[in-house]
Amino acid sequence: MATPTTPTVEQWTGQSLPAATYLQFQQRVVELTTAADLDNATLEATLAALRPLLTRLQRLVRQEGAYTDTPAVQKADQWRDRLVMMIIDMVEHASKLPAESQLGVAGARLWPQVKPYKKIQKHELSQETSEVTGLLRVLATTQGAADAQTLGLTQAVTELGTENRLLAQLMAQREAEEVQRREEKSYDTVTELRPQIAEQYHNLVIMVNALSLMGTEAAQTLVLQLNATIDHYQQIDANRNKNKGDEPEPEPTPEPEPEPDDQGGGDDVTPVTPVG
């Protein structure tokens, strides 16, 4: 029999959360409710309606997020850029050495071939990958490899080839992910989905509270778990809002000072030219 102390789910829907965090909150609610196994047809129907809505929201969140390979691409690209810069700088420096020296001969021979690749680090990733492949071909010829060895660049050239192949592989993976994102793209919007999710969440809370008030022990345990989840995400929301509040307000733009009035009046005095 229900008592006044029977727990019920707090009245908080998480609507103020950002889309990605809101998705995590709702996914946790579904996970806990499913695990409770309350064997209620109405509740199961609500979960069945909620799950595909969350899947659609997850696709939207993923489409708006960074690519999964972004950290690896950035790391490999930075190291590749350093290697390209080092190789080209050393060849250019050697080309300015006395022509009778072994280093000067190797540098003078290589420099005209590698000079077109100077500053390719500023180019777009896929373009740079293609250009580094061209640079590596120059350095892979019999004479190019010999000159690179003379300049002590063999190890750097080997590492550049490794990083360039890695980036080519990562870019291929990114293209595959982009194709998948385009295939999954729908006409859903977060603004349209959130009210539908909120409606099903509301139905879920009503049913869980009803079962709890009826004295179902598993439902009462679920209520406690859901309230703990709500408390957790309320704290996340509060911290986010607090951080927003800590941002300094922009300085007010000063109003422009009025232009002086040249139309008569005032203290302006027309100078008089003395006569003879």
Protein backbone atom coordinates (compact mmCIF):
# COMPACT_ATOMS: atom_id res chain seq x y z
CA MET A 1 0.00 0.00 0.00
CA ALA A 2 1.29 3.43 -0.94
CA THR A 3 2.41 5.82 1.78
CA PRO A 4 3.10 9.58 1.71
CA THR A 5 6.81 8.77 1.51
CA THR A 6 6.49 6.73 -1.69
CA PRO A 7 9.18 8.08 -4.05
CA THR A 8 8.24 9.68 -7.35
CA VAL A 9 10.38 10.96 -10.20
CA GLU A 10 11.39 14.61 -9.93
CA GLN A 11 9.69 17.05 -12.28
CA TRP A 12 12.68 17.90 -14.47
CA THR A 13 12.92 17.18 -18.18
CA GLY A 14 16.44 18.36 -19.04
CA GLN A 15 15.18 20.70 -21.76
CA SER A 16 17.84 23.30 -20.92
CA LEU A 17 20.67 20.86 -21.66
CA PRO A 18 22.64 21.06 -24.93
CA ALA A 19 21.60 18.45 -27.50
CA ALA A 20 24.51 16.05 -26.90
CA THR A 21 24.09 16.13 -23.10
CA TYR A 22 20.31 15.88 -23.40
CA LEU A 23 20.81 12.77 -25.53
CA GLN A 24 23.04 11.22 -22.85
CA PHE A 25 20.43 11.98 -20.18
CA GLN A 26 17.61 10.38 -22.15
CA GLN A 27 19.74 7.37 -23.09
CA ARG A 28 20.51 6.81 -19.41
CA VAL A 29 16.80 7.02 -18.57
CA VAL A 30 16.01 4.38 -21.20
CA GLU A 31 18.88 2.18 -20.02
CA LEU A 32 17.73 2.25 -16.38
CA THR A 33 14.06 1.73 -17.24
CA THR A 34 14.84 -1.19 -19.52
CA ALA A 35 17.04 -2.83 -16.88
CA ALA A 36 14.26 -2.48 -14.26
CA ASP A 37 12.15 -4.94 -16.33
CA LEU A 38 8.82 -3.74 -14.91
CA ASP A 39 6.78 -5.92 -17.30
CA ASN A 40 4.25 -3.22 -18.12
CA ALA A 41 2.82 -3.08 -21.63
CA THR A 42 2.22 0.67 -21.60
CA LEU A 43 5.76 1.36 -20.37
CA GLU A 44 7.22 -0.97 -23.00
CA ALA A 45 5.26 0.85 -25.70
CA THR A 46 6.66 4.17 -24.46
CA LEU A 47 10.20 2.81 -24.55
CA ALA A 48 9.59 1.46 -28.04
CA ALA A 49 8.53 4.94 -29.17
CA LEU A 50 11.41 6.68 -27.38
CA ARG A 51 14.30 4.55 -28.66
CA PRO A 52 14.05 5.44 -32.38
CA LEU A 53 13.66 9.12 -31.51
CA LEU A 54 16.94 8.96 -29.58
CA THR A 55 18.60 7.15 -32.48
CA ARG A 56 17.56 9.98 -34.80
CA LEU A 57 18.85 12.58 -32.33
CA GLN A 58 22.13 10.68 -32.02
CA ARG A 59 22.60 10.89 -35.80
CA LEU A 60 22.06 14.63 -35.72
CA VAL A 61 24.51 15.09 -32.85
CA ARG A 62 27.12 12.98 -34.66
CA GLN A 63 26.66 14.93 -37.90
CA GLU A 64 27.30 18.18 -36.04
CA GLY A 65 30.37 16.85 -34.20
CA ALA A 66 34.02 16.54 -35.18
CA TYR A 67 35.26 13.56 -37.17
CA THR A 68 36.40 10.64 -35.04
CA ASP A 69 39.90 10.75 -36.54
CA THR A 70 40.51 14.47 -35.90
CA PRO A 71 43.14 14.13 -33.11
CA ALA A 72 45.14 11.52 -35.06
CA VAL A 73 45.00 13.61 -38.25
CA GLN A 74 46.18 16.73 -36.44
CA LYS A 75 49.08 14.91 -34.78
CA ALA A 76 50.26 13.24 -38.01
CA ASP A 77 49.87 16.44 -40.01
CA GLN A 78 51.94 18.47 -37.55
CA TRP A 79 54.77 15.95 -37.60
CA ARG A 80 54.66 15.69 -41.40
CA ASP A 81 54.85 19.49 -41.69
CA ARG A 82 57.96 19.55 -39.49
CA LEU A 83 59.63 16.86 -41.59
CA VAL A 84 58.87 18.65 -44.87
CA MET A 85 60.19 21.92 -43.48
CA MET A 86 63.36 20.31 -42.17
CA ILE A 87 64.13 18.45 -45.41
CA ILE A 88 63.57 21.44 -47.67
CA ASP A 89 65.41 23.86 -45.37
CA MET A 90 68.45 21.56 -45.22
CA VAL A 91 68.53 21.12 -49.00
CA GLU A 92 68.24 24.88 -49.52
CA HIS A 93 71.00 25.55 -47.00
CA ALA A 94 73.28 22.95 -48.64
CA SER A 95 72.66 24.49 -52.07
CA LYS A 96 74.33 27.69 -50.82
CA LEU A 97 77.49 25.94 -49.67
CA PRO A 98 80.68 26.10 -51.79
CA ALA A 99 80.20 24.23 -55.05
CA GLU A 100 83.39 22.19 -54.54
CA SER A 101 82.08 20.64 -51.32
CA GLN A 102 80.23 17.32 -51.39
CA LEU A 103 77.28 18.81 -49.50
CA GLY A 104 77.19 21.79 -51.86
CA VAL A 105 77.08 19.54 -54.92
CA ALA A 106 74.24 17.42 -53.48
CA GLY A 107 72.31 20.50 -52.37
CA ALA A 108 72.72 22.29 -55.71
CA ARG A 109 71.49 19.19 -57.52
CA LEU A 110 68.46 18.63 -55.28
CA TRP A 111 67.36 22.20 -54.65
CA PRO A 112 65.77 22.92 -58.08
CA GLN A 113 63.74 19.72 -57.71
CA VAL A 114 62.48 20.28 -54.15
CA LYS A 115 62.06 24.07 -54.32
CA PRO A 116 58.50 23.82 -55.82
CA TYR A 117 57.43 21.98 -52.64
CA LYS A 118 58.45 24.80 -50.30
CA LYS A 119 55.58 25.97 -48.05
CA ILE A 120 53.20 23.18 -49.13
CA GLN A 121 52.40 22.86 -45.41
CA LYS A 122 49.94 25.73 -45.89
CA HIS A 123 47.85 23.77 -48.38
CA GLU A 124 44.69 21.78 -47.69
CA LEU A 125 45.31 18.29 -46.25
CA SER A 126 44.52 16.18 -49.30
CA GLN A 127 46.41 18.55 -51.60
CA GLU A 128 49.44 18.50 -49.32
CA THR A 129 49.31 14.70 -49.18
CA SER A 130 49.48 14.56 -52.98
CA GLU A 131 52.33 17.10 -53.06
CA VAL A 132 54.33 15.25 -50.40
CA THR A 133 53.93 12.12 -52.52
CA GLY A 134 55.55 14.06 -55.38
CA LEU A 135 58.38 15.22 -53.12
CA LEU A 136 58.97 11.65 -51.99
CA ARG A 137 59.20 10.52 -55.63
CA VAL A 138 61.98 13.08 -56.20
CA LEU A 139 63.82 11.80 -53.15
CA ALA A 140 63.27 8.16 -54.14
CA THR A 141 65.12 8.36 -57.47
CA THR A 142 68.61 6.88 -57.51
CA GLN A 143 70.29 10.29 -57.60
CA GLY A 144 67.77 11.88 -55.23
CA ALA A 145 68.21 9.14 -52.63
CA ALA A 146 71.99 9.39 -52.91
CA ASP A 147 71.92 13.16 -52.48
CA ALA A 148 69.52 12.87 -49.53
CA GLN A 149 71.90 10.36 -47.94
CA THR A 150 74.83 12.73 -48.47
CA LEU A 151 72.86 15.45 -46.66
CA GLY A 152 71.95 13.08 -43.80
CA LEU A 153 68.24 13.10 -44.69
CA THR A 154 67.59 9.39 -45.25
CA GLN A 155 65.86 8.83 -41.90
CA ALA A 156 63.79 12.00 -42.26
CA VAL A 157 62.66 10.95 -45.73
CA THR A 158 61.67 7.50 -44.42
CA GLU A 159 59.64 9.03 -41.58
CA LEU A 160 58.00 11.47 -44.01
CA GLY A 161 56.86 8.56 -46.15
CA THR A 162 55.41 6.81 -43.10
CA GLU A 163 53.48 9.90 -41.94
CA ASN A 164 52.23 10.63 -45.45
CA ARG A 165 50.89 7.09 -45.87
CA LEU A 166 49.21 7.33 -42.46
CA LEU A 167 47.54 10.59 -43.40
CA ALA A 168 46.39 9.16 -46.74
CA GLN A 169 44.81 6.26 -44.82
CA LEU A 170 43.16 8.60 -42.29
CA MET A 171 41.82 10.82 -45.06
CA ALA A 172 40.32 7.76 -46.77
CA GLN A 173 38.63 6.83 -43.49
CA ARG A 174 37.32 10.38 -43.17
CA GLU A 175 35.88 10.24 -46.68
CA ALA A 176 34.14 6.98 -45.79
CA GLU A 177 32.72 8.58 -42.64
CA GLU A 178 31.55 11.57 -44.67
CA VAL A 179 29.73 9.24 -47.07
CA GLN A 180 28.09 7.50 -44.12
CA ARG A 181 27.04 10.84 -42.62
CA ARG A 182 25.47 11.89 -45.92
CA GLU A 183 23.61 8.58 -46.16
CA GLU A 184 22.32 8.96 -42.61
CA LYS A 185 21.40 12.60 -43.04
CA SER A 186 17.69 13.20 -42.77
CA TYR A 187 15.36 16.12 -42.56
CA ASP A 188 15.20 15.83 -38.78
CA THR A 189 16.17 18.82 -36.71
CA VAL A 190 16.95 18.97 -33.02
CA THR A 191 14.17 21.52 -32.59
CA GLU A 192 11.63 19.08 -34.02
CA LEU A 193 12.88 16.00 -32.18
CA ARG A 194 13.21 17.32 -28.64
CA PRO A 195 9.47 17.97 -28.10
CA GLN A 196 8.68 14.46 -29.33
CA ILE A 197 11.29 12.98 -26.99
CA ALA A 198 10.00 15.14 -24.11
CA GLU A 199 6.47 13.85 -24.70
CA GLN A 200 7.54 10.22 -24.51
CA TYR A 201 9.72 10.96 -21.47
CA HIS A 202 6.68 12.55 -19.80
CA ASN A 203 4.64 9.39 -20.52
CA LEU A 204 7.44 7.25 -19.11
CA VAL A 205 7.62 9.26 -15.88
CA ILE A 206 3.83 9.04 -15.43
CA MET A 207 3.90 5.26 -15.75
CA VAL A 208 6.93 4.79 -13.47
CA ASN A 209 5.37 7.03 -10.82
CA ALA A 210 2.09 5.16 -11.06
CA LEU A 211 3.81 1.81 -10.56
CA SER A 212 5.79 3.23 -7.66
CA LEU A 213 2.64 4.55 -5.97
CA MET A 214 1.07 1.12 -6.44
CA GLY A 215 3.86 -0.28 -4.30
CA THR A 216 5.89 -2.01 -7.02
CA GLU A 217 9.30 -2.39 -5.41
CA ALA A 218 11.23 -2.49 -8.69
CA ALA A 219 9.52 0.74 -9.77
CA GLN A 220 10.41 2.44 -6.48
CA THR A 221 14.04 1.41 -6.94
CA LEU A 222 13.91 2.77 -10.49
CA VAL A 223 12.53 6.08 -9.20
CA LEU A 224 15.55 6.45 -6.90
CA GLN A 225 17.90 5.68 -9.79
CA LEU A 226 16.16 8.15 -12.10
CA ASN A 227 16.24 10.87 -9.45
CA ALA A 228 19.98 10.28 -8.95
CA THR A 229 20.42 10.62 -12.73
CA ILE A 230 18.37 13.81 -12.74
CA ASP A 231 20.45 15.24 -9.90
CA HIS A 232 23.62 14.45 -11.85
CA TYR A 233 22.47 16.21 -15.01
CA GLN A 234 21.00 19.12 -13.06
CA GLN A 235 24.47 19.65 -11.61
CA ILE A 236 25.99 19.53 -15.09
CA ASP A 237 23.44 22.11 -16.22
CA ALA A 238 24.08 24.33 -13.20
CA ASN A 239 27.85 24.24 -13.75
CA ARG A 240 27.38 25.10 -17.41
CA ASN A 241 25.21 28.08 -16.56
CA LYS A 242 27.62 29.17 -13.85
CA ASN A 243 30.51 29.13 -16.31
CA LYS A 244 28.42 31.22 -18.67
CA GLY A 245 27.79 33.70 -15.88
CA ASP A 246 31.51 33.97 -15.11
CA GLU A 247 32.29 35.27 -18.59
CA PRO A 248 33.04 38.99 -18.45
CA GLU A 249 30.45 41.20 -20.07
CA PRO A 250 31.69 43.11 -23.09
CA GLU A 251 32.68 46.69 -22.51
CA PRO A 252 29.93 49.08 -23.59
CA THR A 253 30.65 50.88 -26.81
CA PRO A 254 31.09 54.57 -26.04
CA GLU A 255 28.64 56.86 -27.73
CA PRO A 256 30.22 59.13 -30.32
CA GLU A 257 30.73 62.69 -29.26
CA PRO A 258 28.47 65.18 -31.04
CA GLU A 259 29.99 67.00 -33.98
CA PRO A 260 30.50 70.73 -33.43
CA ASP A 261 27.72 72.86 -34.85
CA ASP A 262 29.08 75.10 -37.59
CA GLN A 263 25.78 76.83 -38.27
CA GLY A 264 26.13 80.25 -36.64
CA GLY A 265 25.92 81.24 -32.96
CA GLY A 266 28.50 80.07 -30.47
CA ASP A 267 31.73 81.85 -29.74
CA ASP A 268 33.24 81.60 -33.21
CA VAL A 269 34.83 84.96 -34.21
CA THR A 270 35.65 85.77 -37.81
CA PRO A 271 39.13 87.27 -37.88
CA VAL A 272 39.21 90.86 -39.15
CA THR A 273 42.09 91.89 -41.37
CA PRO A 274 43.30 95.32 -40.23
CA VAL A 275 43.16 98.03 -42.88
CA GLY A 276 46.36 99.87 -43.85
